[in-house]
Amino acid sequence: MVKLRLRDNESVNEAVRRFRKLVEHAGVKKEMRKREFYEKPSDQRRRDRRRAEMRARRANQEPTLEIQ
């Protein structure tokens, strides 16, 4: 839950900007998009497995140096 207290002499625009940053940092938007539509548990497992495979591939790749 995000709480925001208005500071002394803070304009509404500054408060809204600060609120948006707090919401983004707390992950509220991401969670809202995730819960917008129902996702079958099998689809969720498949997506998680694919993400894990991509992470493993990236971790196993040798870093390449690009010289120009």
N, C-alpha and C. Protein backbone atom coordinates (compact mmCIF):
# COMPACT_ATOMS: atom_id res chain seq x y z
N MET A 1 0.84 -1.17 0.00
CA MET A 1 0.00 0.00 0.00
C MET A 1 0.89 1.24 0.00
N VAL A 2 0.57 2.17 -0.85
CA VAL A 2 1.36 3.38 -1.00
C VAL A 2 0.68 4.50 -0.24
N LYS A 3 1.46 5.18 0.60
CA LYS A 3 0.93 6.33 1.34
C LYS A 3 1.77 7.54 0.97
N LEU A 4 1.10 8.66 0.83
CA LEU A 4 1.77 9.89 0.45
C LEU A 4 1.22 11.03 1.30
N ARG A 5 2.11 11.72 1.94
CA ARG A 5 1.70 12.90 2.70
C ARG A 5 2.20 14.13 1.97
N LEU A 6 1.34 15.10 1.86
CA LEU A 6 1.69 16.32 1.17
C LEU A 6 2.70 17.10 2.01
N ARG A 7 3.78 17.51 1.37
CA ARG A 7 4.81 18.29 2.06
C ARG A 7 4.38 19.75 2.11
N ASP A 8 5.05 20.50 2.98
CA ASP A 8 4.76 21.93 3.07
C ASP A 8 5.13 22.60 1.75
N ASN A 9 4.27 23.44 1.27
CA ASN A 9 4.48 24.21 0.04
C ASN A 9 4.73 23.32 -1.18
N GLU A 10 4.15 22.13 -1.20
CA GLU A 10 4.30 21.24 -2.36
C GLU A 10 3.08 21.39 -3.25
N SER A 11 3.34 21.59 -4.53
CA SER A 11 2.22 21.75 -5.46
C SER A 11 1.59 20.38 -5.73
N VAL A 12 0.39 20.43 -6.29
CA VAL A 12 -0.32 19.20 -6.60
C VAL A 12 0.43 18.41 -7.67
N ASN A 13 0.99 19.11 -8.65
CA ASN A 13 1.73 18.43 -9.72
C ASN A 13 2.93 17.68 -9.17
N GLU A 14 3.65 18.28 -8.23
CA GLU A 14 4.80 17.61 -7.63
C GLU A 14 4.35 16.41 -6.82
N ALA A 15 3.25 16.52 -6.11
CA ALA A 15 2.73 15.41 -5.32
C ALA A 15 2.30 14.26 -6.22
N VAL A 16 1.66 14.58 -7.32
CA VAL A 16 1.22 13.53 -8.26
C VAL A 16 2.44 12.84 -8.86
N ARG A 17 3.46 13.59 -9.21
CA ARG A 17 4.68 13.02 -9.77
C ARG A 17 5.34 12.08 -8.76
N ARG A 18 5.38 12.52 -7.49
CA ARG A 18 5.97 11.70 -6.44
C ARG A 18 5.13 10.44 -6.19
N PHE A 19 3.81 10.58 -6.26
CA PHE A 19 2.91 9.44 -6.09
C PHE A 19 3.13 8.41 -7.18
N ARG A 20 3.26 8.87 -8.43
CA ARG A 20 3.49 7.94 -9.55
C ARG A 20 4.78 7.16 -9.36
N LYS A 21 5.83 7.84 -8.90
CA LYS A 21 7.09 7.17 -8.66
C LYS A 21 6.96 6.12 -7.56
N LEU A 22 6.23 6.46 -6.50
CA LEU A 22 6.03 5.51 -5.41
C LEU A 22 5.25 4.28 -5.88
N VAL A 23 4.21 4.52 -6.68
CA VAL A 23 3.39 3.41 -7.19
C VAL A 23 4.24 2.51 -8.09
N GLU A 24 5.04 3.12 -8.95
CA GLU A 24 5.90 2.35 -9.86
C GLU A 24 6.92 1.55 -9.06
N HIS A 25 7.52 2.16 -8.07
CA HIS A 25 8.54 1.49 -7.26
C HIS A 25 7.94 0.34 -6.44
N ALA A 26 6.71 0.50 -5.98
CA ALA A 26 6.06 -0.53 -5.17
C ALA A 26 5.57 -1.70 -6.02
N GLY A 27 5.52 -1.54 -7.33
CA GLY A 27 5.09 -2.63 -8.20
C GLY A 27 3.59 -2.76 -8.32
N VAL A 28 2.87 -1.72 -8.00
CA VAL A 28 1.40 -1.78 -8.04
C VAL A 28 0.90 -1.91 -9.47
N LYS A 29 1.50 -1.16 -10.40
CA LYS A 29 1.06 -1.23 -11.80
C LYS A 29 1.30 -2.62 -12.38
N LYS A 30 2.46 -3.17 -12.07
CA LYS A 30 2.79 -4.50 -12.58
C LYS A 30 1.81 -5.54 -12.05
N GLU A 31 1.51 -5.46 -10.78
CA GLU A 31 0.56 -6.39 -10.16
C GLU A 31 -0.84 -6.22 -10.74
N MET A 32 -1.22 -4.98 -11.01
CA MET A 32 -2.54 -4.71 -11.57
C MET A 32 -2.67 -5.32 -12.96
N ARG A 33 -1.63 -5.16 -13.79
CA ARG A 33 -1.66 -5.74 -15.13
C ARG A 33 -1.68 -7.26 -15.06
N LYS A 34 -0.97 -7.81 -14.10
CA LYS A 34 -0.91 -9.27 -13.95
C LYS A 34 -2.28 -9.83 -13.59
N ARG A 35 -3.04 -9.12 -12.78
CA ARG A 35 -4.34 -9.60 -12.32
C ARG A 35 -5.51 -9.16 -13.20
N GLU A 36 -5.21 -8.45 -14.27
CA GLU A 36 -6.27 -7.93 -15.12
C GLU A 36 -7.07 -9.05 -15.77
N PHE A 37 -6.37 -10.12 -16.21
CA PHE A 37 -7.03 -11.25 -16.84
C PHE A 37 -6.62 -12.52 -16.13
N TYR A 38 -7.51 -13.48 -16.12
CA TYR A 38 -7.22 -14.77 -15.50
C TYR A 38 -6.21 -15.52 -16.37
N GLU A 39 -5.23 -16.12 -15.71
CA GLU A 39 -4.25 -16.92 -16.42
C GLU A 39 -4.29 -18.33 -15.82
N LYS A 40 -4.45 -19.31 -16.70
CA LYS A 40 -4.50 -20.68 -16.23
C LYS A 40 -3.18 -21.04 -15.55
N PRO A 41 -3.24 -21.88 -14.52
CA PRO A 41 -2.01 -22.27 -13.84
C PRO A 41 -0.99 -22.93 -14.77
N SER A 42 -1.47 -23.71 -15.75
CA SER A 42 -0.54 -24.35 -16.68
C SER A 42 0.17 -23.29 -17.54
N ASP A 43 -0.56 -22.25 -17.95
CA ASP A 43 0.06 -21.18 -18.73
C ASP A 43 1.09 -20.43 -17.90
N GLN A 44 0.78 -20.23 -16.63
CA GLN A 44 1.70 -19.53 -15.74
C GLN A 44 2.98 -20.35 -15.55
N ARG A 45 2.84 -21.66 -15.34
CA ARG A 45 4.01 -22.51 -15.20
C ARG A 45 4.86 -22.50 -16.47
N ARG A 46 4.19 -22.54 -17.63
CA ARG A 46 4.90 -22.52 -18.90
C ARG A 46 5.69 -21.22 -19.05
N ARG A 47 5.06 -20.11 -18.72
CA ARG A 47 5.72 -18.81 -18.82
C ARG A 47 6.91 -18.74 -17.86
N ASP A 48 6.73 -19.22 -16.64
CA ASP A 48 7.81 -19.22 -15.66
C ASP A 48 8.97 -20.11 -16.11
N ARG A 49 8.64 -21.26 -16.70
CA ARG A 49 9.68 -22.17 -17.17
C ARG A 49 10.48 -21.53 -18.30
N ARG A 50 9.79 -20.87 -19.23
CA ARG A 50 10.48 -20.20 -20.34
C ARG A 50 11.39 -19.09 -19.84
N ARG A 51 10.92 -18.34 -18.85
CA ARG A 51 11.75 -17.28 -18.27
C ARG A 51 13.01 -17.87 -17.65
N ALA A 52 12.85 -18.97 -16.93
CA ALA A 52 13.99 -19.62 -16.29
C ALA A 52 14.97 -20.12 -17.34
N GLU A 53 14.46 -20.68 -18.43
CA GLU A 53 15.34 -21.15 -19.50
C GLU A 53 16.13 -19.99 -20.11
N MET A 54 15.47 -18.87 -20.34
CA MET A 54 16.16 -17.71 -20.91
C MET A 54 17.22 -17.18 -19.94
N ARG A 55 16.92 -17.16 -18.65
CA ARG A 55 17.90 -16.72 -17.66
C ARG A 55 19.11 -17.64 -17.67
N ALA A 56 18.86 -18.95 -17.75
CA ALA A 56 19.96 -19.92 -17.77
C ALA A 56 20.81 -19.73 -19.02
N ARG A 57 20.17 -19.50 -20.16
CA ARG A 57 20.91 -19.28 -21.40
C ARG A 57 21.80 -18.05 -21.30
N ARG A 58 21.24 -16.97 -20.76
CA ARG A 58 22.02 -15.73 -20.63
C ARG A 58 23.18 -15.92 -19.66
N ALA A 59 22.96 -16.69 -18.59
CA ALA A 59 24.02 -16.90 -17.60
C ALA A 59 25.14 -17.76 -18.17
N ASN A 60 24.81 -18.66 -19.10
CA ASN A 60 25.82 -19.56 -19.67
C ASN A 60 26.56 -18.93 -20.84
N GLN A 61 26.07 -17.85 -21.37
CA GLN A 61 26.75 -17.20 -22.50
C GLN A 61 28.03 -16.58 -22.04
N GLU A 62 29.05 -16.68 -22.90
CA GLU A 62 30.31 -16.02 -22.59
C GLU A 62 30.19 -14.56 -23.00
N PRO A 63 30.68 -13.68 -22.16
CA PRO A 63 30.62 -12.26 -22.52
C PRO A 63 31.53 -11.99 -23.72
N THR A 64 31.01 -11.23 -24.65
CA THR A 64 31.79 -10.91 -25.85
C THR A 64 32.17 -9.44 -25.82
N LEU A 65 33.36 -9.17 -26.24
CA LEU A 65 33.84 -7.79 -26.31
C LEU A 65 33.77 -7.34 -27.77
N GLU A 66 33.13 -6.23 -27.97
CA GLU A 66 33.03 -5.69 -29.31
C GLU A 66 34.08 -4.60 -29.45
N ILE A 67 35.00 -4.81 -30.37
CA ILE A 67 36.05 -3.83 -30.61
C ILE A 67 35.80 -3.18 -31.96
N GLN A 68 35.78 -1.89 -31.94
CA GLN A 68 35.51 -1.16 -33.18
C GLN A 68 36.76 -0.56 -33.74
